[in-house]
């Protein structure tokens, strides 16, 4: 009996290793995370479920410079334009996977949030609480048509992944140019505010 158990375990481990090697040898059969992603679509002002939590985009603003509310330094300017997404989140009972954010355009451009500010990711509070915050992106003013905020969660193994896509109401270049022309000289990035969820 003592010899049988280690031998059985060894054979099992060997089959697992062979299965992994076979899978690596056939890349067409490797797990494709994109195929298992589902996307919920929404617009400004529409809360979308993100697991047990919700995310809502309140408004989109453009500015030629930004300044952190706790900074004594001068505003950070750009040769492009800053797109500021103001949002609300409400945390559910489950853990929230750390979402990756990007602004995408109809031309296929993807902009990442500015990482050196506290306006670089979605904040979630404790269960039952909400957060009001902002995310800042540096964008090309000539490439804004179809601007969409994408919230992508990280898949765990082969679990179905839920992503969000918010249409930010920039349907064409003419609307984009109007918004850029009306951009504020500076945007003061506030700290996120936590509140009791209603």
N, C-alpha and C. Protein backbone atom coordinates (compact mmCIF):
# COMPACT_ATOMS: atom_id res chain seq x y z
N UNK A 1 0.82 -1.19 0.00
CA UNK A 1 0.00 0.00 0.00
C UNK A 1 0.87 1.26 0.00
N UNK A 2 1.96 1.26 0.74
CA UNK A 2 2.83 2.42 0.81
C UNK A 2 3.50 2.69 -0.53
N UNK A 3 3.85 1.62 -1.30
CA UNK A 3 4.47 1.79 -2.59
C UNK A 3 3.44 2.26 -3.63
N UNK A 4 2.20 1.83 -3.49
CA UNK A 4 1.18 2.15 -4.46
C UNK A 4 0.82 3.65 -4.46
N UNK A 5 0.74 4.25 -3.29
CA UNK A 5 0.34 5.66 -3.22
C UNK A 5 1.37 6.60 -3.86
N UNK A 6 2.66 6.52 -3.52
CA UNK A 6 3.62 7.40 -4.18
C UNK A 6 3.68 7.18 -5.69
N UNK A 7 3.53 5.95 -6.12
CA UNK A 7 3.56 5.66 -7.56
C UNK A 7 2.36 6.30 -8.25
N UNK A 8 1.20 6.25 -7.61
CA UNK A 8 -0.01 6.86 -8.18
C UNK A 8 0.14 8.37 -8.28
N UNK A 9 0.67 8.97 -7.23
CA UNK A 9 0.89 10.42 -7.25
C UNK A 9 1.88 10.79 -8.34
N UNK A 10 2.95 10.03 -8.48
CA UNK A 10 3.97 10.30 -9.49
C UNK A 10 3.39 10.21 -10.90
N UNK A 11 2.56 9.20 -11.14
CA UNK A 11 1.93 9.05 -12.46
C UNK A 11 1.00 10.23 -12.73
N UNK A 12 0.26 10.67 -11.70
CA UNK A 12 -0.64 11.81 -11.85
C UNK A 12 0.12 13.08 -12.21
N UNK A 13 1.23 13.32 -11.53
CA UNK A 13 2.05 14.50 -11.81
C UNK A 13 2.60 14.45 -13.23
N UNK A 14 3.00 13.26 -13.65
CA UNK A 14 3.54 13.10 -14.99
C UNK A 14 2.48 13.43 -16.05
N UNK A 15 1.24 13.00 -15.84
CA UNK A 15 0.17 13.32 -16.79
C UNK A 15 -0.12 14.82 -16.84
N UNK A 16 -0.09 15.47 -15.68
CA UNK A 16 -0.30 16.92 -15.65
C UNK A 16 0.79 17.65 -16.42
N UNK A 17 2.05 17.24 -16.21
CA UNK A 17 3.16 17.87 -16.92
C UNK A 17 3.08 17.62 -18.43
N UNK A 18 2.74 16.40 -18.82
CA UNK A 18 2.60 16.09 -20.24
C UNK A 18 1.47 16.91 -20.87
N UNK A 19 0.38 17.08 -20.13
CA UNK A 19 -0.73 17.88 -20.64
C UNK A 19 -0.31 19.33 -20.86
N UNK A 20 0.46 19.88 -19.92
CA UNK A 20 0.94 21.25 -20.06
C UNK A 20 1.88 21.41 -21.23
N UNK A 21 2.79 20.44 -21.42
CA UNK A 21 3.72 20.50 -22.55
C UNK A 21 2.98 20.38 -23.88
N UNK A 22 1.97 19.52 -23.92
CA UNK A 22 1.18 19.37 -25.14
C UNK A 22 0.46 20.66 -25.48
N UNK A 23 -0.05 21.32 -24.46
CA UNK A 23 -0.76 22.59 -24.67
C UNK A 23 0.18 23.68 -25.18
N UNK A 24 1.40 23.70 -24.66
CA UNK A 24 2.39 24.68 -25.13
C UNK A 24 2.81 24.39 -26.56
N UNK A 25 2.81 23.11 -26.94
CA UNK A 25 3.22 22.73 -28.29
C UNK A 25 2.16 23.10 -29.32
N UNK A 26 0.91 23.33 -28.89
CA UNK A 26 -0.17 23.68 -29.81
C UNK A 26 -0.74 25.04 -29.42
N UNK A 27 -0.13 26.14 -29.85
CA UNK A 27 -0.56 27.47 -29.42
C UNK A 27 -1.99 27.82 -29.81
N UNK A 28 -2.55 27.15 -30.84
CA UNK A 28 -3.93 27.42 -31.23
C UNK A 28 -4.92 27.03 -30.15
N UNK A 29 -4.51 26.14 -29.25
CA UNK A 29 -5.41 25.65 -28.21
C UNK A 29 -5.14 26.28 -26.84
N UNK A 30 -4.22 27.22 -26.81
CA UNK A 30 -3.93 27.89 -25.55
C UNK A 30 -5.09 28.80 -25.20
N UNK A 31 -5.36 28.96 -23.91
CA UNK A 31 -6.47 29.78 -23.44
C UNK A 31 -6.40 31.20 -24.01
N UNK A 32 -7.47 31.64 -24.59
CA UNK A 32 -7.56 32.98 -25.16
C UNK A 32 -8.43 33.84 -24.27
N UNK A 33 -7.81 34.75 -23.52
CA UNK A 33 -8.55 35.59 -22.59
C UNK A 33 -9.57 36.48 -23.28
N UNK A 34 -9.28 36.96 -24.51
CA UNK A 34 -10.19 37.85 -25.21
C UNK A 34 -11.50 37.15 -25.55
N UNK A 35 -11.43 35.86 -25.87
CA UNK A 35 -12.65 35.13 -26.24
C UNK A 35 -13.60 34.98 -25.07
N UNK A 36 -13.07 35.04 -23.85
CA UNK A 36 -13.90 34.87 -22.66
C UNK A 36 -14.33 36.19 -22.03
N UNK A 37 -14.09 37.29 -22.72
CA UNK A 37 -14.47 38.58 -22.17
C UNK A 37 -15.87 38.97 -22.66
N UNK A 38 -16.68 39.48 -21.73
CA UNK A 38 -17.95 40.09 -22.12
C UNK A 38 -17.87 41.56 -21.75
N UNK A 39 -18.53 42.39 -22.55
CA UNK A 39 -18.45 43.84 -22.34
C UNK A 39 -19.85 44.40 -22.13
N UNK A 40 -20.02 45.16 -21.05
CA UNK A 40 -21.26 45.92 -20.83
C UNK A 40 -21.03 47.33 -21.35
N UNK A 41 -21.97 47.82 -22.14
CA UNK A 41 -21.85 49.16 -22.74
C UNK A 41 -22.79 50.13 -22.04
N UNK A 42 -22.32 51.36 -21.85
CA UNK A 42 -23.13 52.39 -21.22
C UNK A 42 -22.71 53.76 -21.70
N UNK A 43 -23.36 54.77 -21.16
CA UNK A 43 -23.07 56.15 -21.53
C UNK A 43 -22.85 56.98 -20.26
N UNK A 44 -22.55 58.25 -20.43
CA UNK A 44 -22.37 59.14 -19.29
C UNK A 44 -23.66 59.19 -18.47
N UNK A 45 -23.52 59.04 -17.16
CA UNK A 45 -24.67 59.08 -16.26
C UNK A 45 -25.35 57.74 -16.02
N UNK A 46 -24.90 56.69 -16.71
CA UNK A 46 -25.51 55.37 -16.58
C UNK A 46 -24.62 54.45 -15.73
N UNK A 47 -25.09 54.02 -14.54
CA UNK A 47 -24.27 53.11 -13.74
C UNK A 47 -24.27 51.71 -14.35
N UNK A 48 -23.09 51.09 -14.39
CA UNK A 48 -22.94 49.73 -14.91
C UNK A 48 -22.42 48.83 -13.82
N UNK A 49 -22.91 47.59 -13.80
CA UNK A 49 -22.45 46.60 -12.84
C UNK A 49 -21.04 46.16 -13.20
N UNK A 50 -20.18 46.10 -12.19
CA UNK A 50 -18.80 45.61 -12.35
C UNK A 50 -18.61 44.57 -11.27
N UNK A 51 -18.96 43.31 -11.58
CA UNK A 51 -19.05 42.29 -10.54
C UNK A 51 -20.22 42.64 -9.63
N UNK A 52 -19.97 42.72 -8.33
CA UNK A 52 -21.00 43.12 -7.37
C UNK A 52 -21.02 44.63 -7.13
N UNK A 53 -20.09 45.34 -7.76
CA UNK A 53 -19.99 46.79 -7.58
C UNK A 53 -20.59 47.51 -8.79
N UNK A 54 -20.63 48.84 -8.73
CA UNK A 54 -21.09 49.63 -9.88
C UNK A 54 -20.10 50.75 -10.17
N UNK A 55 -20.04 51.12 -11.45
CA UNK A 55 -19.21 52.23 -11.92
C UNK A 55 -20.10 53.14 -12.75
N UNK A 56 -19.99 54.46 -12.54
CA UNK A 56 -20.75 55.44 -13.33
C UNK A 56 -19.83 56.58 -13.72
N UNK A 57 -19.87 56.97 -14.98
CA UNK A 57 -19.14 58.15 -15.45
C UNK A 57 -20.07 59.35 -15.31
N UNK A 58 -19.66 60.35 -14.55
CA UNK A 58 -20.49 61.53 -14.34
C UNK A 58 -20.34 62.56 -15.45
N UNK A 59 -19.10 62.82 -15.87
CA UNK A 59 -18.90 63.79 -16.95
C UNK A 59 -17.47 63.66 -17.50
N UNK A 60 -17.30 64.23 -18.68
CA UNK A 60 -15.99 64.32 -19.34
C UNK A 60 -15.65 65.79 -19.48
N UNK A 61 -14.44 66.16 -19.08
CA UNK A 61 -13.97 67.54 -19.22
C UNK A 61 -12.62 67.55 -19.91
N UNK A 62 -12.32 68.67 -20.58
CA UNK A 62 -11.02 68.84 -21.20
C UNK A 62 -10.32 70.05 -20.58
N UNK A 63 -9.00 69.96 -20.47
CA UNK A 63 -8.22 71.06 -19.90
C UNK A 63 -6.85 71.10 -20.56
N UNK A 64 -6.25 72.28 -20.56
CA UNK A 64 -4.92 72.45 -21.18
C UNK A 64 -3.79 72.23 -20.18
N UNK A 65 -4.14 72.16 -18.88
CA UNK A 65 -3.15 71.91 -17.83
C UNK A 65 -3.89 71.32 -16.63
N UNK A 66 -3.14 70.63 -15.77
CA UNK A 66 -3.76 70.12 -14.54
C UNK A 66 -2.85 70.44 -13.36
N UNK A 67 -3.48 70.46 -12.19
CA UNK A 67 -2.78 70.76 -10.95
C UNK A 67 -3.39 69.89 -9.87
N UNK A 68 -2.55 69.26 -9.03
CA UNK A 68 -3.05 68.47 -7.91
C UNK A 68 -3.44 69.39 -6.78
N UNK A 69 -4.53 69.04 -6.08
CA UNK A 69 -5.05 69.94 -5.04
C UNK A 69 -4.12 70.08 -3.85
N UNK A 70 -3.18 69.15 -3.66
CA UNK A 70 -2.25 69.28 -2.53
C UNK A 70 -0.84 69.66 -2.97
N UNK A 71 -0.74 70.20 -4.20
CA UNK A 71 0.58 70.53 -4.74
C UNK A 71 0.79 72.04 -4.75
N UNK A 72 2.01 72.46 -4.42
CA UNK A 72 2.37 73.87 -4.50
C UNK A 72 3.09 74.19 -5.82
N UNK A 73 3.30 73.14 -6.61
CA UNK A 73 4.00 73.35 -7.87
C UNK A 73 3.06 73.96 -8.90
N UNK A 74 3.66 74.44 -10.00
CA UNK A 74 2.81 75.05 -11.02
C UNK A 74 2.14 73.97 -11.86
N UNK A 75 1.10 74.35 -12.57
CA UNK A 75 0.29 73.41 -13.34
C UNK A 75 1.13 72.70 -14.40
N UNK A 76 0.77 71.44 -14.67
CA UNK A 76 1.44 70.64 -15.69
C UNK A 76 0.72 70.86 -17.02
N UNK A 77 1.44 71.40 -17.99
CA UNK A 77 0.84 71.70 -19.29
C UNK A 77 1.16 70.60 -20.29
N UNK A 78 0.51 70.64 -21.44
CA UNK A 78 0.74 69.65 -22.48
C UNK A 78 0.61 70.31 -23.84
N UNK A 79 1.27 69.73 -24.85
CA UNK A 79 1.08 70.20 -26.22
C UNK A 79 -0.18 69.60 -26.81
N UNK A 80 -0.73 68.58 -26.14
CA UNK A 80 -2.00 68.00 -26.55
C UNK A 80 -3.13 68.60 -25.73
N UNK A 81 -3.91 67.73 -25.09
CA UNK A 81 -5.00 68.17 -24.23
C UNK A 81 -5.21 67.10 -23.17
N UNK A 82 -5.69 67.49 -22.00
CA UNK A 82 -6.00 66.52 -20.96
C UNK A 82 -7.50 66.22 -20.97
N UNK A 83 -7.83 64.95 -20.97
CA UNK A 83 -9.22 64.50 -20.84
C UNK A 83 -9.39 64.01 -19.41
N UNK A 84 -10.37 64.58 -18.72
CA UNK A 84 -10.62 64.24 -17.32
C UNK A 84 -11.97 63.55 -17.23
N UNK A 85 -11.97 62.32 -16.71
CA UNK A 85 -13.21 61.57 -16.54
C UNK A 85 -13.57 61.61 -15.05
N UNK A 86 -14.70 62.21 -14.73
CA UNK A 86 -15.18 62.25 -13.35
C UNK A 86 -16.15 61.08 -13.17
N UNK A 87 -15.98 60.31 -12.09
CA UNK A 87 -16.73 59.06 -11.95
C UNK A 87 -17.23 58.86 -10.52
N UNK A 88 -18.14 57.91 -10.38
CA UNK A 88 -18.61 57.42 -9.08
C UNK A 88 -18.52 55.90 -9.08
N UNK A 89 -18.06 55.32 -7.99
CA UNK A 89 -18.10 53.87 -7.81
C UNK A 89 -18.82 53.55 -6.51
N UNK A 90 -19.49 52.41 -6.47
CA UNK A 90 -20.09 51.89 -5.26
C UNK A 90 -19.63 50.45 -5.11
N UNK A 91 -19.04 50.14 -3.98
CA UNK A 91 -18.46 48.82 -3.73
C UNK A 91 -19.53 47.85 -3.25
N UNK A 92 -19.56 46.66 -3.86
CA UNK A 92 -20.43 45.58 -3.41
C UNK A 92 -19.76 44.75 -2.34
N UNK A 93 -20.25 43.54 -2.15
CA UNK A 93 -19.71 42.68 -1.09
C UNK A 93 -18.46 41.93 -1.53
N UNK A 94 -18.28 41.72 -2.82
CA UNK A 94 -17.13 40.96 -3.31
C UNK A 94 -15.93 41.88 -3.50
N UNK A 95 -14.74 41.27 -3.52
CA UNK A 95 -13.53 42.03 -3.84
C UNK A 95 -13.62 42.54 -5.27
N UNK A 96 -13.05 43.71 -5.51
CA UNK A 96 -13.06 44.29 -6.85
C UNK A 96 -11.71 44.02 -7.50
N UNK A 97 -11.70 43.34 -8.66
CA UNK A 97 -10.41 43.12 -9.33
C UNK A 97 -9.83 44.45 -9.76
N UNK A 98 -8.53 44.60 -9.66
CA UNK A 98 -7.88 45.86 -9.99
C UNK A 98 -8.08 46.15 -11.48
N UNK A 99 -8.95 47.12 -11.82
CA UNK A 99 -9.26 47.32 -13.24
C UNK A 99 -8.17 48.12 -13.95
N UNK A 100 -7.99 47.80 -15.22
CA UNK A 100 -7.10 48.58 -16.09
C UNK A 100 -7.98 49.53 -16.89
N UNK A 101 -7.55 50.78 -17.00
CA UNK A 101 -8.34 51.79 -17.69
C UNK A 101 -7.64 52.24 -18.96
N UNK A 102 -8.44 52.57 -19.97
CA UNK A 102 -7.91 53.21 -21.17
C UNK A 102 -9.02 54.00 -21.85
N UNK A 103 -8.62 55.04 -22.55
CA UNK A 103 -9.53 55.77 -23.44
C UNK A 103 -9.23 55.29 -24.85
N UNK A 104 -10.25 54.85 -25.55
CA UNK A 104 -10.08 54.36 -26.92
C UNK A 104 -10.86 55.25 -27.88
N UNK A 105 -10.38 55.37 -29.12
CA UNK A 105 -11.05 56.18 -30.13
C UNK A 105 -11.45 55.30 -31.31
N UNK A 106 -12.27 55.86 -32.20
CA UNK A 106 -12.68 55.12 -33.40
C UNK A 106 -11.50 54.77 -34.29
N UNK A 107 -10.43 55.56 -34.22
CA UNK A 107 -9.24 55.31 -35.04
C UNK A 107 -8.39 54.17 -34.49
N UNK A 108 -8.74 53.66 -33.30
CA UNK A 108 -7.99 52.56 -32.70
C UNK A 108 -6.91 52.99 -31.73
N UNK A 109 -6.82 54.27 -31.46
CA UNK A 109 -5.84 54.77 -30.48
C UNK A 109 -6.30 54.42 -29.07
N UNK A 110 -5.36 54.05 -28.22
CA UNK A 110 -5.66 53.76 -26.81
C UNK A 110 -4.76 54.63 -25.94
N UNK A 111 -5.39 55.45 -25.09
CA UNK A 111 -4.66 56.33 -24.18
C UNK A 111 -4.69 55.74 -22.77
N UNK A 112 -3.55 55.76 -22.08
CA UNK A 112 -3.47 55.27 -20.70
C UNK A 112 -3.58 56.45 -19.74
N UNK A 113 -4.06 56.19 -18.51
CA UNK A 113 -4.13 57.28 -17.52
C UNK A 113 -2.74 57.79 -17.15
N UNK A 114 -2.68 59.03 -16.73
CA UNK A 114 -1.42 59.60 -16.24
C UNK A 114 -1.14 58.98 -14.89
N UNK A 115 -0.01 58.31 -14.76
CA UNK A 115 0.26 57.51 -13.56
C UNK A 115 0.86 58.30 -12.42
N UNK A 116 1.34 59.52 -12.67
CA UNK A 116 1.99 60.26 -11.58
C UNK A 116 1.01 61.16 -10.82
N UNK A 117 -0.28 60.94 -10.97
CA UNK A 117 -1.28 61.67 -10.18
C UNK A 117 -2.15 60.66 -9.45
N UNK A 118 -2.89 61.13 -8.46
CA UNK A 118 -3.84 60.21 -7.84
C UNK A 118 -5.13 60.13 -8.65
N UNK A 119 -5.14 60.77 -9.83
CA UNK A 119 -6.23 60.59 -10.77
C UNK A 119 -5.83 59.60 -11.84
N UNK A 120 -5.35 58.41 -11.45
CA UNK A 120 -4.86 57.45 -12.43
C UNK A 120 -5.58 56.11 -12.40
N UNK A 121 -6.52 55.92 -11.48
CA UNK A 121 -7.24 54.64 -11.43
C UNK A 121 -8.58 54.84 -10.75
N UNK A 122 -9.45 53.83 -10.90
CA UNK A 122 -10.73 53.87 -10.21
C UNK A 122 -10.53 53.47 -8.75
N UNK A 123 -11.11 54.23 -7.85
CA UNK A 123 -11.04 53.90 -6.42
C UNK A 123 -12.35 53.25 -5.99
N UNK A 124 -12.23 52.24 -5.14
CA UNK A 124 -13.39 51.59 -4.53
C UNK A 124 -13.20 51.63 -3.02
N UNK A 125 -14.26 51.96 -2.30
CA UNK A 125 -14.19 52.03 -0.83
C UNK A 125 -14.56 50.66 -0.25
N UNK A 126 -14.85 50.63 1.05
CA UNK A 126 -15.30 49.41 1.71
C UNK A 126 -16.71 49.08 1.22
N UNK A 127 -17.16 47.82 1.39
CA UNK A 127 -18.51 47.44 0.95
C UNK A 127 -19.57 48.37 1.54
N UNK A 128 -20.51 48.80 0.69
CA UNK A 128 -21.57 49.69 1.13
C UNK A 128 -21.23 51.16 1.05
N UNK A 129 -20.01 51.48 0.61
CA UNK A 129 -19.59 52.88 0.48
C UNK A 129 -19.31 53.20 -0.98
N UNK A 130 -19.43 54.48 -1.30
CA UNK A 130 -19.16 54.94 -2.65
C UNK A 130 -17.98 55.89 -2.67
N UNK A 131 -17.42 56.09 -3.87
CA UNK A 131 -16.29 57.01 -4.07
C UNK A 131 -16.60 57.90 -5.26
N UNK A 132 -16.33 59.19 -5.11
CA UNK A 132 -16.37 60.13 -6.23
C UNK A 132 -14.93 60.52 -6.52
N UNK A 133 -14.51 60.35 -7.77
CA UNK A 133 -13.12 60.63 -8.10
C UNK A 133 -12.95 61.02 -9.55
N UNK A 134 -11.69 61.16 -9.98
CA UNK A 134 -11.38 61.52 -11.36
C UNK A 134 -10.21 60.67 -11.87
N UNK A 135 -10.18 60.52 -13.19
CA UNK A 135 -9.06 59.88 -13.87
C UNK A 135 -8.63 60.83 -14.99
N UNK A 136 -7.33 61.04 -15.11
CA UNK A 136 -6.80 62.02 -16.07
C UNK A 136 -6.00 61.30 -17.16
N UNK A 137 -6.25 61.69 -18.42
CA UNK A 137 -5.55 61.14 -19.58
C UNK A 137 -4.96 62.29 -20.40
N UNK A 138 -3.78 62.10 -20.95
CA UNK A 138 -3.22 63.05 -21.91
C UNK A 138 -3.53 62.51 -23.30
N UNK A 139 -4.23 63.31 -24.13
CA UNK A 139 -4.72 62.80 -25.41
C UNK A 139 -4.35 63.75 -26.55
N UNK A 140 -4.47 63.23 -27.76
CA UNK A 140 -4.23 64.00 -28.97
C UNK A 140 -5.54 64.69 -29.36
N UNK A 141 -5.60 66.01 -29.40
CA UNK A 141 -6.86 66.70 -29.71
C UNK A 141 -7.39 66.41 -31.11
N UNK A 142 -6.54 65.89 -31.99
CA UNK A 142 -6.97 65.56 -33.35
C UNK A 142 -7.47 64.13 -33.47
N UNK A 143 -7.46 63.38 -32.37
CA UNK A 143 -7.89 61.97 -32.41
C UNK A 143 -8.77 61.68 -31.20
N UNK A 144 -10.00 62.22 -31.23
CA UNK A 144 -10.92 62.04 -30.10
C UNK A 144 -12.27 61.48 -30.51
N UNK A 145 -12.53 61.33 -31.81
CA UNK A 145 -13.84 60.86 -32.26
C UNK A 145 -14.09 59.44 -31.74
N UNK A 146 -15.30 59.24 -31.19
CA UNK A 146 -15.66 57.92 -30.66
C UNK A 146 -15.05 57.62 -29.32
N UNK A 147 -14.64 58.64 -28.59
CA UNK A 147 -13.94 58.45 -27.31
C UNK A 147 -14.76 57.56 -26.37
N UNK A 148 -14.12 56.50 -25.89
CA UNK A 148 -14.77 55.50 -25.03
C UNK A 148 -13.86 55.17 -23.86
N UNK A 149 -14.40 55.21 -22.63
CA UNK A 149 -13.65 54.76 -21.47
C UNK A 149 -13.84 53.27 -21.33
N UNK A 150 -12.74 52.53 -21.34
CA UNK A 150 -12.79 51.07 -21.18
C UNK A 150 -12.25 50.70 -19.80
N UNK A 151 -13.02 49.89 -19.10
CA UNK A 151 -12.63 49.38 -17.78
C UNK A 151 -12.47 47.88 -17.94
N UNK A 152 -11.24 47.40 -17.84
CA UNK A 152 -10.96 45.98 -18.10
C UNK A 152 -10.45 45.32 -16.82
N UNK A 153 -11.11 44.24 -16.46
CA UNK A 153 -10.68 43.48 -15.29
C UNK A 153 -9.71 42.39 -15.73
N UNK A 154 -8.92 41.89 -14.78
CA UNK A 154 -7.94 40.84 -15.08
C UNK A 154 -8.58 39.48 -14.89
N UNK A 155 -8.50 38.59 -15.91
CA UNK A 155 -9.11 37.27 -15.76
C UNK A 155 -8.31 36.39 -14.83
N UNK A 156 -8.99 35.54 -14.08
CA UNK A 156 -8.35 34.56 -13.23
C UNK A 156 -8.55 33.19 -13.86
N UNK A 157 -7.47 32.61 -14.36
CA UNK A 157 -7.50 31.32 -15.03
C UNK A 157 -8.48 31.38 -16.20
N UNK A 158 -9.55 30.61 -16.20
CA UNK A 158 -10.47 30.62 -17.34
C UNK A 158 -11.83 31.17 -16.96
N UNK A 159 -11.86 32.04 -15.96
CA UNK A 159 -13.13 32.61 -15.51
C UNK A 159 -13.59 33.68 -16.50
N UNK A 160 -14.90 33.72 -16.76
CA UNK A 160 -15.46 34.74 -17.64
C UNK A 160 -15.18 36.12 -17.06
N UNK A 161 -14.70 37.03 -17.90
CA UNK A 161 -14.30 38.34 -17.44
C UNK A 161 -15.31 39.39 -17.90
N UNK A 162 -15.72 40.25 -16.98
CA UNK A 162 -16.68 41.31 -17.28
C UNK A 162 -15.96 42.64 -17.44
N UNK A 163 -16.07 43.27 -18.60
CA UNK A 163 -15.47 44.57 -18.86
C UNK A 163 -16.58 45.59 -19.08
N UNK A 164 -16.21 46.87 -18.98
CA UNK A 164 -17.16 47.96 -19.19
C UNK A 164 -16.65 48.88 -20.30
N UNK A 165 -17.57 49.48 -21.04
CA UNK A 165 -17.22 50.46 -22.07
C UNK A 165 -18.24 51.60 -22.00
N UNK A 166 -17.76 52.80 -21.68
CA UNK A 166 -18.62 53.98 -21.57
C UNK A 166 -18.41 54.89 -22.78
N UNK A 167 -19.47 55.11 -23.54
CA UNK A 167 -19.44 56.07 -24.65
C UNK A 167 -19.43 57.47 -24.04
N UNK A 168 -18.40 58.27 -24.35
CA UNK A 168 -18.23 59.58 -23.73
C UNK A 168 -18.80 60.72 -24.58
N UNK A 169 -19.68 60.39 -25.52
CA UNK A 169 -20.44 61.38 -26.29
C UNK A 169 -19.56 62.32 -27.10
N UNK A 170 -18.59 61.74 -27.81
CA UNK A 170 -17.78 62.50 -28.78
C UNK A 170 -17.92 61.76 -30.11
N UNK A 171 -19.06 61.94 -30.81
CA UNK A 171 -19.35 61.09 -31.97
C UNK A 171 -18.50 61.35 -33.20
N UNK A 172 -17.98 62.58 -33.35
CA UNK A 172 -17.21 62.88 -34.57
C UNK A 172 -16.19 63.98 -34.29
N UNK A 173 -15.41 64.31 -35.33
CA UNK A 173 -14.34 65.30 -35.18
C UNK A 173 -14.87 66.71 -34.90
N UNK A 174 -16.04 67.03 -35.42
CA UNK A 174 -16.59 68.37 -35.22
C UNK A 174 -16.93 68.59 -33.74
N UNK A 175 -17.56 67.60 -33.12
CA UNK A 175 -17.88 67.70 -31.69
C UNK A 175 -16.59 67.73 -30.88
N UNK A 176 -15.63 66.89 -31.26
CA UNK A 176 -14.35 66.85 -30.55
C UNK A 176 -13.68 68.22 -30.59
N UNK A 177 -13.67 68.86 -31.76
CA UNK A 177 -13.03 70.17 -31.90
C UNK A 177 -13.73 71.22 -31.05
N UNK A 178 -15.06 71.16 -30.99
CA UNK A 178 -15.82 72.10 -30.16
C UNK A 178 -15.44 71.94 -28.69
N UNK A 179 -15.33 70.69 -28.23
CA UNK A 179 -14.97 70.43 -26.84
C UNK A 179 -13.55 70.90 -26.53
N UNK A 180 -12.63 70.68 -27.47
CA UNK A 180 -11.24 71.12 -27.29
C UNK A 180 -11.18 72.65 -27.24
N UNK A 181 -11.94 73.31 -28.10
CA UNK A 181 -11.95 74.78 -28.11
C UNK A 181 -12.47 75.35 -26.80
N UNK A 182 -13.36 74.61 -26.13
CA UNK A 182 -13.95 75.07 -24.87
C UNK A 182 -13.19 74.56 -23.64
N UNK A 183 -12.03 73.93 -23.87
CA UNK A 183 -11.28 73.35 -22.76
C UNK A 183 -10.88 74.41 -21.73
N UNK A 184 -10.90 74.01 -20.46
CA UNK A 184 -10.50 74.92 -19.37
C UNK A 184 -8.99 75.13 -19.43
N UNK A 185 -8.56 76.27 -18.94
CA UNK A 185 -7.11 76.56 -18.89
C UNK A 185 -6.41 75.60 -17.94
N UNK A 186 -7.05 75.30 -16.79
CA UNK A 186 -6.48 74.38 -15.79
C UNK A 186 -7.59 73.53 -15.18
N UNK A 187 -7.21 72.33 -14.77
CA UNK A 187 -8.14 71.47 -14.03
C UNK A 187 -7.46 71.12 -12.70
N UNK A 188 -8.13 71.40 -11.61
CA UNK A 188 -7.61 71.07 -10.29
C UNK A 188 -8.07 69.66 -9.93
N UNK A 189 -7.14 68.73 -9.82
CA UNK A 189 -7.49 67.33 -9.51
C UNK A 189 -7.79 67.22 -8.02
N UNK A 190 -9.04 66.91 -7.66
CA UNK A 190 -9.36 66.78 -6.25
C UNK A 190 -9.01 65.40 -5.74
N UNK A 191 -8.88 65.27 -4.41
CA UNK A 191 -8.78 63.93 -3.82
C UNK A 191 -10.13 63.26 -3.97
N UNK A 192 -10.13 61.93 -4.10
CA UNK A 192 -11.39 61.21 -4.17
C UNK A 192 -12.13 61.34 -2.83
N UNK A 193 -13.45 61.33 -2.88
CA UNK A 193 -14.29 61.51 -1.71
C UNK A 193 -15.07 60.23 -1.46
N UNK A 194 -15.01 59.72 -0.22
CA UNK A 194 -15.75 58.51 0.15
C UNK A 194 -17.03 58.91 0.86
N UNK A 195 -18.11 58.22 0.55
CA UNK A 195 -19.42 58.52 1.12
C UNK A 195 -20.18 57.23 1.36
N UNK A 196 -21.25 57.30 2.12
CA UNK A 196 -22.14 56.16 2.30
C UNK A 196 -22.94 56.00 1.03
N UNK A 197 -23.00 54.77 0.50
CA UNK A 197 -23.73 54.52 -0.76
C UNK A 197 -25.21 54.72 -0.53
N UNK A 198 -25.89 55.34 -1.50
CA UNK A 198 -27.32 55.56 -1.38
C UNK A 198 -28.09 54.57 -2.23
